[in-house]
């Protein structure tokens, strides 16, 4: 995706998939509601991971969030 396709947009989708397409230091606000790993039936996410795998998955999301957010975002 091109940078302009992200300007002033609400973007929905899997956090990891979307975040990997966004340039570094280019987002001012991210709102996310990650799955809570309680066994809810999602189409594209296993919400019943082993605890360590769940924490690893969350850590990957937070690393990508940190990468794309501007300083102070």
PDB file of N, CA and C in Angstrom:
ATOM      1  N   UNK A   1       0.835  -1.189   0.000  1.00  0.00           N
ATOM      2  CA  UNK A   1       0.000   0.000   0.000  1.00  0.00           C
ATOM      3  C   UNK A   1       0.878   1.250   0.000  1.00  0.00           C
ATOM      4  N   UNK A   2       0.400   2.276  -0.636  1.00  0.00           N
ATOM      5  CA  UNK A   2       1.141   3.525  -0.677  1.00  0.00           C
ATOM      6  C   UNK A   2       0.804   4.373   0.537  1.00  0.00           C
ATOM      7  N   UNK A   3       1.732   5.222   0.930  1.00  0.00           N
ATOM      8  CA  UNK A   3       1.551   6.069   2.110  1.00  0.00           C
ATOM      9  C   UNK A   3       0.262   6.869   2.004  1.00  0.00           C
ATOM     10  N   UNK A   4      -0.028   7.451   0.856  1.00  0.00           N
ATOM     11  CA  UNK A   4      -1.232   8.274   0.695  1.00  0.00           C
ATOM     12  C   UNK A   4      -2.506   7.491   0.922  1.00  0.00           C
ATOM     13  N   UNK A   5      -2.465   6.188   0.741  1.00  0.00           N
ATOM     14  CA  UNK A   5      -3.680   5.402   0.952  1.00  0.00           C
ATOM     15  C   UNK A   5      -4.012   5.266   2.433  1.00  0.00           C
ATOM     16  N   UNK A   6      -3.099   5.695   3.309  1.00  0.00           N
ATOM     17  CA  UNK A   6      -3.329   5.625   4.750  1.00  0.00           C
ATOM     18  C   UNK A   6      -3.713   6.965   5.359  1.00  0.00           C
ATOM     19  N   UNK A   7      -3.562   8.055   4.634  1.00  0.00           N
ATOM     20  CA  UNK A   7      -3.780   9.391   5.195  1.00  0.00           C
ATOM     21  C   UNK A   7      -5.258   9.614   5.477  1.00  0.00           C
ATOM     22  N   UNK A   8      -5.532  10.051   6.722  1.00  0.00           N
ATOM     23  CA  UNK A   8      -6.889  10.374   7.166  1.00  0.00           C
ATOM     24  C   UNK A   8      -7.879   9.243   6.919  1.00  0.00           C
ATOM     25  N   UNK A   9      -7.484   8.053   7.254  1.00  0.00           N
ATOM     26  CA  UNK A   9      -8.323   6.871   7.032  1.00  0.00           C
ATOM     27  C   UNK A   9      -8.505   6.101   8.337  1.00  0.00           C
ATOM     28  N   UNK A  10      -9.634   5.453   8.434  1.00  0.00           N
ATOM     29  CA  UNK A  10      -9.836   4.442   9.464  1.00  0.00           C
ATOM     30  C   UNK A  10      -9.562   3.117   8.772  1.00  0.00           C
ATOM     31  N   UNK A  11      -8.609   2.383   9.284  1.00  0.00           N
ATOM     32  CA  UNK A  11      -8.186   1.144   8.647  1.00  0.00           C
ATOM     33  C   UNK A  11      -8.537  -0.007   9.579  1.00  0.00           C
ATOM     34  N   UNK A  12      -9.251  -0.969   9.071  1.00  0.00           N
ATOM     35  CA  UNK A  12      -9.616  -2.125   9.875  1.00  0.00           C
ATOM     36  C   UNK A  12      -8.992  -3.372   9.283  1.00  0.00           C
ATOM     37  N   UNK A  13      -8.750  -4.344  10.125  1.00  0.00           N
ATOM     38  CA  UNK A  13      -8.186  -5.610   9.662  1.00  0.00           C
ATOM     39  C   UNK A  13      -7.337  -6.222  10.738  1.00  0.00           C
ATOM     40  N   UNK A  14      -6.689  -7.315  10.411  1.00  0.00           N
ATOM     41  CA  UNK A  14      -5.776  -7.964  11.341  1.00  0.00           C
ATOM     42  C   UNK A  14      -4.595  -7.037  11.603  1.00  0.00           C
ATOM     43  N   UNK A  15      -4.335  -6.766  12.868  1.00  0.00           N
ATOM     44  CA  UNK A  15      -3.316  -5.784  13.252  1.00  0.00           C
ATOM     45  C   UNK A  15      -1.959  -6.074  12.617  1.00  0.00           C
ATOM     46  N   UNK A  16      -1.503  -7.298  12.707  1.00  0.00           N
ATOM     47  CA  UNK A  16      -0.184  -7.641  12.164  1.00  0.00           C
ATOM     48  C   UNK A  16      -0.151  -7.420  10.656  1.00  0.00           C
ATOM     49  N   UNK A  17      -1.163  -7.896   9.945  1.00  0.00           N
ATOM     50  CA  UNK A  17      -1.196  -7.753   8.487  1.00  0.00           C
ATOM     51  C   UNK A  17      -1.185  -6.292   8.071  1.00  0.00           C
ATOM     52  N   UNK A  18      -2.007  -5.478   8.706  1.00  0.00           N
ATOM     53  CA  UNK A  18      -2.111  -4.065   8.349  1.00  0.00           C
ATOM     54  C   UNK A  18      -0.855  -3.296   8.759  1.00  0.00           C
ATOM     55  N   UNK A  19      -0.400  -3.491   9.977  1.00  0.00           N
ATOM     56  CA  UNK A  19       0.744  -2.737  10.478  1.00  0.00           C
ATOM     57  C   UNK A  19       1.997  -2.963   9.644  1.00  0.00           C
ATOM     58  N   UNK A  20       2.208  -4.159   9.144  1.00  0.00           N
ATOM     59  CA  UNK A  20       3.406  -4.452   8.347  1.00  0.00           C
ATOM     60  C   UNK A  20       3.431  -3.661   7.044  1.00  0.00           C
ATOM     61  N   UNK A  21       2.303  -3.146   6.603  1.00  0.00           N
ATOM     62  CA  UNK A  21       2.226  -2.385   5.352  1.00  0.00           C
ATOM     63  C   UNK A  21       2.408  -0.884   5.573  1.00  0.00           C
ATOM     64  N   UNK A  22       2.459  -0.460   6.822  1.00  0.00           N
ATOM     65  CA  UNK A  22       2.513   0.967   7.144  1.00  0.00           C
ATOM     66  C   UNK A  22       3.962   1.380   7.384  1.00  0.00           C
ATOM     67  N   UNK A  23       4.380   2.524   6.814  1.00  0.00           N
ATOM     68  CA  UNK A  23       5.755   2.992   7.001  1.00  0.00           C
ATOM     69  C   UNK A  23       6.066   3.345   8.464  1.00  0.00           C
ATOM     70  N   UNK A  24       7.332   3.285   8.801  1.00  0.00           N
ATOM     71  CA  UNK A  24       7.812   3.667  10.133  1.00  0.00           C
ATOM     72  C   UNK A  24       7.403   5.096  10.462  1.00  0.00           C
ATOM     73  N   UNK A  25       7.117   5.331  11.739  1.00  0.00           N
ATOM     74  CA  UNK A  25       6.900   6.694  12.255  1.00  0.00           C
ATOM     75  C   UNK A  25       5.916   7.505  11.416  1.00  0.00           C
ATOM     76  N   UNK A  26       4.785   6.922  11.087  1.00  0.00           N
ATOM     77  CA  UNK A  26       3.864   7.622  10.203  1.00  0.00           C
ATOM     78  C   UNK A  26       2.430   7.707  10.736  1.00  0.00           C
ATOM     79  N   UNK A  27       2.179   7.163  11.917  1.00  0.00           N
ATOM     80  CA  UNK A  27       0.819   7.113  12.455  1.00  0.00           C
ATOM     81  C   UNK A  27       0.774   7.894  13.766  1.00  0.00           C
ATOM     82  N   UNK A  28      -0.271   8.688  13.939  1.00  0.00           N
ATOM     83  CA  UNK A  28      -0.411   9.480  15.155  1.00  0.00           C
ATOM     84  C   UNK A  28      -1.301   8.834  16.206  1.00  0.00           C
ATOM     85  N   UNK A  29      -2.186   7.957  15.793  1.00  0.00           N
ATOM     86  CA  UNK A  29      -3.093   7.320  16.747  1.00  0.00           C
ATOM     87  C   UNK A  29      -3.434   5.917  16.277  1.00  0.00           C
ATOM     88  N   UNK A  30      -3.321   4.965  17.181  1.00  0.00           N
ATOM     89  CA  UNK A  30      -3.744   3.594  16.913  1.00  0.00           C
ATOM     90  C   UNK A  30      -4.689   3.176  18.025  1.00  0.00           C
ATOM     91  N   UNK A  31      -5.828   2.653  17.616  1.00  0.00           N
ATOM     92  CA  UNK A  31      -6.777   2.080  18.567  1.00  0.00           C
ATOM     93  C   UNK A  31      -6.909   0.620  18.191  1.00  0.00           C
ATOM     94  N   UNK A  32      -6.668  -0.253  19.131  1.00  0.00           N
ATOM     95  CA  UNK A  32      -6.765  -1.678  18.840  1.00  0.00           C
ATOM     96  C   UNK A  32      -7.472  -2.387  19.977  1.00  0.00           C
ATOM     97  N   UNK A  33      -8.131  -3.442  19.652  1.00  0.00           N
ATOM     98  CA  UNK A  33      -8.780  -4.285  20.638  1.00  0.00           C
ATOM     99  C   UNK A  33      -8.396  -5.727  20.323  1.00  0.00           C
ATOM    100  N   UNK A  34      -7.213  -6.112  20.800  1.00  0.00           N
ATOM    101  CA  UNK A  34      -6.748  -7.456  20.450  1.00  0.00           C
ATOM    102  C   UNK A  34      -7.622  -8.529  21.089  1.00  0.00           C
ATOM    103  N   UNK A  35      -7.665  -9.691  20.482  1.00  0.00           N
ATOM    104  CA  UNK A  35      -8.378 -10.799  21.116  1.00  0.00           C
ATOM    105  C   UNK A  35      -7.812 -11.065  22.513  1.00  0.00           C
ATOM    106  N   UNK A  36      -8.667 -11.495  23.412  1.00  0.00           N
ATOM    107  CA  UNK A  36      -8.252 -11.699  24.803  1.00  0.00           C
ATOM    108  C   UNK A  36      -7.904 -13.148  25.111  1.00  0.00           C
ATOM    109  N   UNK A  37      -7.864 -13.996  24.076  1.00  0.00           N
ATOM    110  CA  UNK A  37      -7.454 -15.391  24.231  1.00  0.00           C
ATOM    111  C   UNK A  37      -8.359 -16.151  25.197  1.00  0.00           C
ATOM    112  N   UNK A  38      -9.658 -15.967  25.001  1.00  0.00           N
ATOM    113  CA  UNK A  38     -10.635 -16.631  25.873  1.00  0.00           C
ATOM    114  C   UNK A  38     -11.477 -17.657  25.113  1.00  0.00           C
ATOM    115  N   UNK A  39     -11.037 -18.011  23.894  1.00  0.00           N
ATOM    116  CA  UNK A  39     -11.728 -19.045  23.142  1.00  0.00           C
ATOM    117  C   UNK A  39     -12.859 -18.555  22.256  1.00  0.00           C
ATOM    118  N   UNK A  40     -12.920 -17.245  22.003  1.00  0.00           N
ATOM    119  CA  UNK A  40     -13.963 -16.710  21.119  1.00  0.00           C
ATOM    120  C   UNK A  40     -13.706 -17.197  19.693  1.00  0.00           C
ATOM    121  N   UNK A  41     -14.762 -17.462  18.956  1.00  0.00           N
ATOM    122  CA  UNK A  41     -14.661 -17.983  17.603  1.00  0.00           C
ATOM    123  C   UNK A  41     -14.471 -16.846  16.600  1.00  0.00           C
ATOM    124  N   UNK A  42     -13.231 -16.664  16.141  1.00  0.00           N
ATOM    125  CA  UNK A  42     -12.918 -15.683  15.106  1.00  0.00           C
ATOM    126  C   UNK A  42     -12.690 -16.414  13.792  1.00  0.00           C
ATOM    127  N   UNK A  43     -12.927 -15.728  12.681  1.00  0.00           N
ATOM    128  CA  UNK A  43     -12.709 -16.341  11.374  1.00  0.00           C
ATOM    129  C   UNK A  43     -11.233 -16.593  11.080  1.00  0.00           C
ATOM    130  N   UNK A  44     -10.357 -15.647  11.494  1.00  0.00           N
ATOM    131  CA  UNK A  44      -8.961 -15.723  11.080  1.00  0.00           C
ATOM    132  C   UNK A  44      -7.971 -15.654  12.242  1.00  0.00           C
ATOM    133  N   UNK A  45      -8.396 -16.023  13.415  1.00  0.00           N
ATOM    134  CA  UNK A  45      -7.478 -15.962  14.563  1.00  0.00           C
ATOM    135  C   UNK A  45      -7.821 -17.068  15.553  1.00  0.00           C
ATOM    136  N   UNK A  46      -6.790 -17.755  16.022  1.00  0.00           N
ATOM    137  CA  UNK A  46      -6.957 -18.771  17.059  1.00  0.00           C
ATOM    138  C   UNK A  46      -6.990 -18.065  18.406  1.00  0.00           C
ATOM    139  N   UNK A  47      -8.145 -17.978  19.015  1.00  0.00           N
ATOM    140  CA  UNK A  47      -8.308 -17.265  20.283  1.00  0.00           C
ATOM    141  C   UNK A  47      -8.179 -18.205  21.476  1.00  0.00           C
ATOM    142  N   UNK A  48      -7.493 -19.289  21.261  1.00  0.00           N
ATOM    143  CA  UNK A  48      -7.281 -20.250  22.342  1.00  0.00           C
ATOM    144  C   UNK A  48      -5.834 -20.738  22.299  1.00  0.00           C
ATOM    145  N   UNK A  49      -4.906 -19.778  22.241  1.00  0.00           N
ATOM    146  CA  UNK A  49      -3.483 -20.103  22.168  1.00  0.00           C
ATOM    147  C   UNK A  49      -2.942 -20.472  23.549  1.00  0.00           C
ATOM    148  N   UNK A  50      -1.853 -21.217  23.550  1.00  0.00           N
ATOM    149  CA  UNK A  50      -1.128 -21.413  24.809  1.00  0.00           C
ATOM    150  C   UNK A  50      -0.686 -20.033  25.290  1.00  0.00           C
ATOM    151  N   UNK A  51      -0.617 -19.863  26.597  1.00  0.00           N
ATOM    152  CA  UNK A  51      -0.355 -18.544  27.173  1.00  0.00           C
ATOM    153  C   UNK A  51       0.917 -17.910  26.610  1.00  0.00           C
ATOM    154  N   UNK A  52       2.017 -18.669  26.543  1.00  0.00           N
ATOM    155  CA  UNK A  52       3.281 -18.120  26.037  1.00  0.00           C
ATOM    156  C   UNK A  52       3.162 -17.706  24.571  1.00  0.00           C
ATOM    157  N   UNK A  53       2.437 -18.484  23.773  1.00  0.00           N
ATOM    158  CA  UNK A  53       2.245 -18.138  22.364  1.00  0.00           C
ATOM    159  C   UNK A  53       1.390 -16.880  22.238  1.00  0.00           C
ATOM    160  N   UNK A  54       0.388 -16.758  23.103  1.00  0.00           N
ATOM    161  CA  UNK A  54      -0.454 -15.563  23.107  1.00  0.00           C
ATOM    162  C   UNK A  54       0.385 -14.328  23.432  1.00  0.00           C
ATOM    163  N   UNK A  55       1.235 -14.423  24.442  1.00  0.00           N
ATOM    164  CA  UNK A  55       2.096 -13.290  24.805  1.00  0.00           C
ATOM    165  C   UNK A  55       3.056 -12.950  23.680  1.00  0.00           C
ATOM    166  N   UNK A  56       3.594 -13.957  22.991  1.00  0.00           N
ATOM    167  CA  UNK A  56       4.470 -13.710  21.846  1.00  0.00           C
ATOM    168  C   UNK A  56       3.720 -12.974  20.741  1.00  0.00           C
ATOM    169  N   UNK A  57       2.482 -13.416  20.475  1.00  0.00           N
ATOM    170  CA  UNK A  57       1.670 -12.774  19.444  1.00  0.00           C
ATOM    171  C   UNK A  57       1.410 -11.307  19.803  1.00  0.00           C
ATOM    172  N   UNK A  58       1.014 -11.072  21.062  1.00  0.00           N
ATOM    173  CA  UNK A  58       0.784  -9.696  21.508  1.00  0.00           C
ATOM    174  C   UNK A  58       2.049  -8.853  21.400  1.00  0.00           C
ATOM    175  N   UNK A  59       3.174  -9.418  21.772  1.00  0.00           N
ATOM    176  CA  UNK A  59       4.445  -8.699  21.695  1.00  0.00           C
ATOM    177  C   UNK A  59       4.732  -8.289  20.252  1.00  0.00           C
ATOM    178  N   UNK A  60       4.441  -9.162  19.293  1.00  0.00           N
ATOM    179  CA  UNK A  60       4.626  -8.810  17.884  1.00  0.00           C
ATOM    180  C   UNK A  60       3.739  -7.633  17.485  1.00  0.00           C
ATOM    181  N   UNK A  61       2.502  -7.631  17.957  1.00  0.00           N
ATOM    182  CA  UNK A  61       1.598  -6.512  17.666  1.00  0.00           C
ATOM    183  C   UNK A  61       2.166  -5.225  18.254  1.00  0.00           C
ATOM    184  N   UNK A  62       2.589  -5.255  19.513  1.00  0.00           N
ATOM    185  CA  UNK A  62       3.082  -4.030  20.168  1.00  0.00           C
ATOM    186  C   UNK A  62       4.363  -3.538  19.514  1.00  0.00           C
ATOM    187  N   UNK A  63       5.219  -4.438  19.039  1.00  0.00           N
ATOM    188  CA  UNK A  63       6.434  -4.005  18.343  1.00  0.00           C
ATOM    189  C   UNK A  63       6.088  -3.257  17.057  1.00  0.00           C
ATOM    190  N   UNK A  64       5.116  -3.773  16.316  1.00  0.00           N
ATOM    191  CA  UNK A  64       4.692  -3.102  15.088  1.00  0.00           C
ATOM    192  C   UNK A  64       4.021  -1.764  15.393  1.00  0.00           C
ATOM    193  N   UNK A  65       3.205  -1.721  16.433  1.00  0.00           N
ATOM    194  CA  UNK A  65       2.581  -0.460  16.841  1.00  0.00           C
ATOM    195  C   UNK A  65       3.659   0.565  17.172  1.00  0.00           C
ATOM    196  N   UNK A  66       4.639   0.161  17.932  1.00  0.00           N
ATOM    197  CA  UNK A  66       5.725   1.052  18.310  1.00  0.00           C
ATOM    198  C   UNK A  66       6.504   1.533  17.081  1.00  0.00           C
ATOM    199  N   UNK A  67       6.704   0.671  16.118  1.00  0.00           N
ATOM    200  CA  UNK A  67       7.445   1.016  14.906  1.00  0.00           C
ATOM    201  C   UNK A  67       6.725   2.077  14.077  1.00  0.00           C
ATOM    202  N   UNK A  68       5.420   1.961  13.933  1.00  0.00           N
ATOM    203  CA  UNK A  68       4.696   2.873  13.037  1.00  0.00           C
ATOM    204  C   UNK A  68       4.275   4.181  13.704  1.00  0.00           C
ATOM    205  N   UNK A  69       4.176   4.208  15.023  1.00  0.00           N
ATOM    206  CA  UNK A  69       3.753   5.427  15.702  1.00  0.00           C
ATOM    207  C   UNK A  69       4.844   6.507  15.646  1.00  0.00           C
ATOM    208  N   UNK A  70       4.408   7.749  15.440  1.00  0.00           N
ATOM    209  CA  UNK A  70       5.332   8.869  15.546  1.00  0.00           C
ATOM    210  C   UNK A  70       5.710   9.068  17.007  1.00  0.00           C
ATOM    211  N   UNK A  71       6.798   9.756  17.253  1.00  0.00           N
ATOM    212  CA  UNK A  71       7.206  10.060  18.624  1.00  0.00           C
ATOM    213  C   UNK A  71       6.071  10.828  19.300  1.00  0.00           C
ATOM    214  N   UNK A  72       5.603  10.340  20.413  1.00  0.00           N
ATOM    215  CA  UNK A  72       4.497  10.975  21.114  1.00  0.00           C
ATOM    216  C   UNK A  72       3.133  10.497  20.662  1.00  0.00           C
ATOM    217  N   UNK A  73       3.118   9.577  19.683  1.00  0.00           N
ATOM    218  CA  UNK A  73       1.848   9.056  19.162  1.00  0.00           C
ATOM    219  C   UNK A  73       1.184   8.130  20.155  1.00  0.00           C
TER     220      UNK A  73
END
